[in-house]
Amino acid sequence: MLPAAHRMRQSAEFEQAVRRGARGGRETLVVHLTTRTDPGPDGPVVGFVVSKGVGGAVVRNRVKRRLRALMATRTAQLPTEAGLVVRALAPAADATFERLGADLDGALRTAARRARVAS
């Protein structure tokens, strides 16, 4: 499970990542990767956006649990000052755990590449 210290909670952090971050997308999700202006000592933070377009409450919560579990194993790969928002798209509701993992890895690679080019 993703530790609480690595969870994004403030709307300003979500807004910064989505507006200024490098974007990487796949069929089931989109990620926005940014460098935080006030990095904490705990390392990167990750936020999740799963709208009603994905499904009902049970489906949304299942998708969030899967994404949190996937990100728990990937936070060490992120820079310490990273802020990441993972936004689930409607196809995420029917995607397998493996598919979500593959899409997440691909989207992270794309966002990291674009972030390096932009800086």
C-alpha atoms as a PDB file:
ATOM      1  CA  MET A   1       0.000   0.000   0.000  1.00  0.00           C
ATOM      2  CA  LEU A   2       1.165   3.538  -0.695  1.00  0.00           C
ATOM      3  CA  PRO A   3       2.345   5.153   2.566  1.00  0.00           C
ATOM      4  CA  ALA A   4       0.407   8.209   3.734  1.00  0.00           C
ATOM      5  CA  ALA A   5       3.554  10.360   3.516  1.00  0.00           C
ATOM      6  CA  HIS A   6       3.574   9.827  -0.262  1.00  0.00           C
ATOM      7  CA  ARG A   7      -0.063  10.777  -0.883  1.00  0.00           C
ATOM      8  CA  MET A   8      -0.963  14.114  -2.407  1.00  0.00           C
ATOM      9  CA  ARG A   9      -3.728  15.794  -0.435  1.00  0.00           C
ATOM     10  CA  GLN A  10      -3.851  19.512  -1.194  1.00  0.00           C
ATOM     11  CA  SER A  11      -5.733  20.803  -4.206  1.00  0.00           C
ATOM     12  CA  ALA A  12      -2.900  23.242  -4.997  1.00  0.00           C
ATOM     13  CA  GLU A  13      -0.527  20.301  -5.474  1.00  0.00           C
ATOM     14  CA  PHE A  14      -3.000  18.584  -7.815  1.00  0.00           C
ATOM     15  CA  GLU A  15      -3.456  21.815  -9.754  1.00  0.00           C
ATOM     16  CA  GLN A  16       0.296  22.396 -10.080  1.00  0.00           C
ATOM     17  CA  ALA A  17       0.910  18.878 -11.387  1.00  0.00           C
ATOM     18  CA  VAL A  18      -1.950  18.939 -13.884  1.00  0.00           C
ATOM     19  CA  ARG A  19      -1.296  22.446 -15.225  1.00  0.00           C
ATOM     20  CA  ARG A  20       2.493  22.515 -15.244  1.00  0.00           C
ATOM     21  CA  GLY A  21       3.448  18.865 -15.339  1.00  0.00           C
ATOM     22  CA  ALA A  22       4.599  16.727 -18.217  1.00  0.00           C
ATOM     23  CA  ARG A  23       1.784  14.510 -19.456  1.00  0.00           C
ATOM     24  CA  GLY A  24       1.873  10.871 -20.447  1.00  0.00           C
ATOM     25  CA  GLY A  25      -1.240   8.978 -21.463  1.00  0.00           C
ATOM     26  CA  ARG A  26      -2.449   5.516 -22.287  1.00  0.00           C
ATOM     27  CA  GLU A  27      -5.868   3.997 -22.907  1.00  0.00           C
ATOM     28  CA  THR A  28      -6.731   3.473 -19.228  1.00  0.00           C
ATOM     29  CA  LEU A  29      -4.992   6.404 -17.538  1.00  0.00           C
ATOM     30  CA  VAL A  30      -3.114   9.685 -17.822  1.00  0.00           C
ATOM     31  CA  VAL A  31      -0.251  10.820 -15.594  1.00  0.00           C
ATOM     32  CA  HIS A  32       0.990  14.349 -14.926  1.00  0.00           C
ATOM     33  CA  LEU A  33       4.549  14.572 -13.587  1.00  0.00           C
ATOM     34  CA  THR A  34       5.986  17.779 -12.152  1.00  0.00           C
ATOM     35  CA  THR A  35       8.739  19.030  -9.894  1.00  0.00           C
ATOM     36  CA  ARG A  36       7.261  20.334  -6.660  1.00  0.00           C
ATOM     37  CA  THR A  37       8.159  23.840  -5.575  1.00  0.00           C
ATOM     38  CA  ASP A  38       8.245  22.799  -1.905  1.00  0.00           C
ATOM     39  CA  PRO A  39       9.489  19.199  -1.772  1.00  0.00           C
ATOM     40  CA  GLY A  40       9.194  17.604   1.636  1.00  0.00           C
ATOM     41  CA  PRO A  41      11.672  15.288   3.311  1.00  0.00           C
ATOM     42  CA  ASP A  42       9.504  12.225   2.652  1.00  0.00           C
ATOM     43  CA  GLY A  43      10.103  12.024  -1.097  1.00  0.00           C
ATOM     44  CA  PRO A  44       7.689  12.063  -4.033  1.00  0.00           C
ATOM     45  CA  VAL A  45       3.951  12.487  -3.607  1.00  0.00           C
ATOM     46  CA  VAL A  46       1.243  10.863  -5.707  1.00  0.00           C
ATOM     47  CA  GLY A  47      -2.395  11.861  -6.134  1.00  0.00           C
ATOM     48  CA  PHE A  48      -5.205   9.964  -7.790  1.00  0.00           C
ATOM     49  CA  VAL A  49      -8.224  11.242  -9.715  1.00  0.00           C
ATOM     50  CA  VAL A  50     -10.970   8.725 -10.439  1.00  0.00           C
ATOM     51  CA  SER A  51     -14.154  10.435 -11.599  1.00  0.00           C
ATOM     52  CA  LYS A  52     -17.718   9.155 -11.813  1.00  0.00           C
ATOM     53  CA  GLY A  53     -17.100   8.585 -15.499  1.00  0.00           C
ATOM     54  CA  VAL A  54     -15.101   5.507 -14.502  1.00  0.00           C
ATOM     55  CA  GLY A  55     -18.079   3.938 -12.734  1.00  0.00           C
ATOM     56  CA  GLY A  56     -19.986   3.740  -9.490  1.00  0.00           C
ATOM     57  CA  ALA A  57     -18.423   4.026  -6.047  1.00  0.00           C
ATOM     58  CA  VAL A  58     -17.445   0.352  -5.842  1.00  0.00           C
ATOM     59  CA  VAL A  59     -15.701   0.447  -9.220  1.00  0.00           C
ATOM     60  CA  ARG A  60     -13.957   3.762  -8.485  1.00  0.00           C
ATOM     61  CA  ASN A  61     -12.668   2.495  -5.151  1.00  0.00           C
ATOM     62  CA  ARG A  62     -11.391  -0.721  -6.750  1.00  0.00           C
ATOM     63  CA  VAL A  63      -9.540   1.280  -9.408  1.00  0.00           C
ATOM     64  CA  LYS A  64      -8.040   3.568  -6.739  1.00  0.00           C
ATOM     65  CA  ARG A  65      -6.889   0.593  -4.648  1.00  0.00           C
ATOM     66  CA  ARG A  66      -5.231  -0.973  -7.670  1.00  0.00           C
ATOM     67  CA  LEU A  67      -3.514   2.263  -8.659  1.00  0.00           C
ATOM     68  CA  ARG A  68      -2.269   2.853  -5.092  1.00  0.00           C
ATOM     69  CA  ALA A  69      -0.850  -0.676  -4.954  1.00  0.00           C
ATOM     70  CA  LEU A  70       0.859  -0.208  -8.318  1.00  0.00           C
ATOM     71  CA  MET A  71       2.359   3.141  -7.319  1.00  0.00           C
ATOM     72  CA  ALA A  72       3.622   1.788  -3.991  1.00  0.00           C
ATOM     73  CA  THR A  73       6.140  -0.312  -5.902  1.00  0.00           C
ATOM     74  CA  ARG A  74       7.088   2.528  -8.254  1.00  0.00           C
ATOM     75  CA  THR A  75       7.657   5.537  -5.963  1.00  0.00           C
ATOM     76  CA  ALA A  76      11.340   4.637  -5.541  1.00  0.00           C
ATOM     77  CA  GLN A  77      11.786   5.199  -9.294  1.00  0.00           C
ATOM     78  CA  LEU A  78      10.539   8.792  -9.044  1.00  0.00           C
ATOM     79  CA  PRO A  79      12.773  11.744  -8.180  1.00  0.00           C
ATOM     80  CA  THR A  80      12.516  12.911  -4.549  1.00  0.00           C
ATOM     81  CA  GLU A  81      10.979  16.252  -5.566  1.00  0.00           C
ATOM     82  CA  ALA A  82       8.390  14.698  -7.922  1.00  0.00           C
ATOM     83  CA  GLY A  83       4.689  15.358  -7.770  1.00  0.00           C
ATOM     84  CA  LEU A  84       2.568  12.910  -9.753  1.00  0.00           C
ATOM     85  CA  VAL A  85      -1.149  12.851 -10.502  1.00  0.00           C
ATOM     86  CA  VAL A  86      -2.622   9.647 -11.927  1.00  0.00           C
ATOM     87  CA  ARG A  87      -6.010  10.188 -13.587  1.00  0.00           C
ATOM     88  CA  ALA A  88      -8.010   7.068 -14.406  1.00  0.00           C
ATOM     89  CA  LEU A  89     -10.048   6.999 -17.614  1.00  0.00           C
ATOM     90  CA  ALA A  90     -13.265   5.046 -18.212  1.00  0.00           C
ATOM     91  CA  PRO A  91     -11.525   1.920 -19.656  1.00  0.00           C
ATOM     92  CA  ALA A  92      -9.709   1.507 -16.307  1.00  0.00           C
ATOM     93  CA  ALA A  93     -12.918   0.097 -14.831  1.00  0.00           C
ATOM     94  CA  ASP A  94     -12.623  -3.098 -16.889  1.00  0.00           C
ATOM     95  CA  ALA A  95      -8.826  -3.304 -17.064  1.00  0.00           C
ATOM     96  CA  THR A  96      -6.901  -6.063 -15.343  1.00  0.00           C
ATOM     97  CA  PHE A  97      -4.280  -5.322 -12.720  1.00  0.00           C
ATOM     98  CA  GLU A  98      -1.557  -6.259 -15.210  1.00  0.00           C
ATOM     99  CA  ARG A  99      -2.995  -3.974 -17.885  1.00  0.00           C
ATOM    100  CA  LEU A 100      -3.161  -1.046 -15.461  1.00  0.00           C
ATOM    101  CA  GLY A 101       0.452  -1.724 -14.485  1.00  0.00           C
ATOM    102  CA  ALA A 102       1.630  -1.822 -18.087  1.00  0.00           C
ATOM    103  CA  ASP A 103      -0.264   1.375 -18.945  1.00  0.00           C
ATOM    104  CA  LEU A 104       1.085   3.089 -15.829  1.00  0.00           C
ATOM    105  CA  ASP A 105       4.668   2.145 -16.715  1.00  0.00           C
ATOM    106  CA  GLY A 106       4.258   3.392 -20.278  1.00  0.00           C
ATOM    107  CA  ALA A 107       2.651   6.652 -19.203  1.00  0.00           C
ATOM    108  CA  LEU A 108       5.372   7.249 -16.594  1.00  0.00           C
ATOM    109  CA  ARG A 109       8.098   6.707 -19.203  1.00  0.00           C
ATOM    110  CA  THR A 110       6.430   9.170 -21.579  1.00  0.00           C
ATOM    111  CA  ALA A 111       5.921  11.818 -18.878  1.00  0.00           C
ATOM    112  CA  ALA A 112       9.512  11.450 -17.627  1.00  0.00           C
ATOM    113  CA  ARG A 113      10.864  11.811 -21.158  1.00  0.00           C
ATOM    114  CA  ARG A 114       8.759  14.912 -21.777  1.00  0.00           C
ATOM    115  CA  ALA A 115       9.778  16.394 -18.418  1.00  0.00           C
ATOM    116  CA  ARG A 116      13.465  16.003 -19.318  1.00  0.00           C
ATOM    117  CA  VAL A 117      12.909  17.658 -22.706  1.00  0.00           C
ATOM    118  CA  ALA A 118      11.001  20.572 -21.155  1.00  0.00           C
ATOM    119  CA  SER A 119      13.654  21.351 -18.528  1.00  0.00           C
END
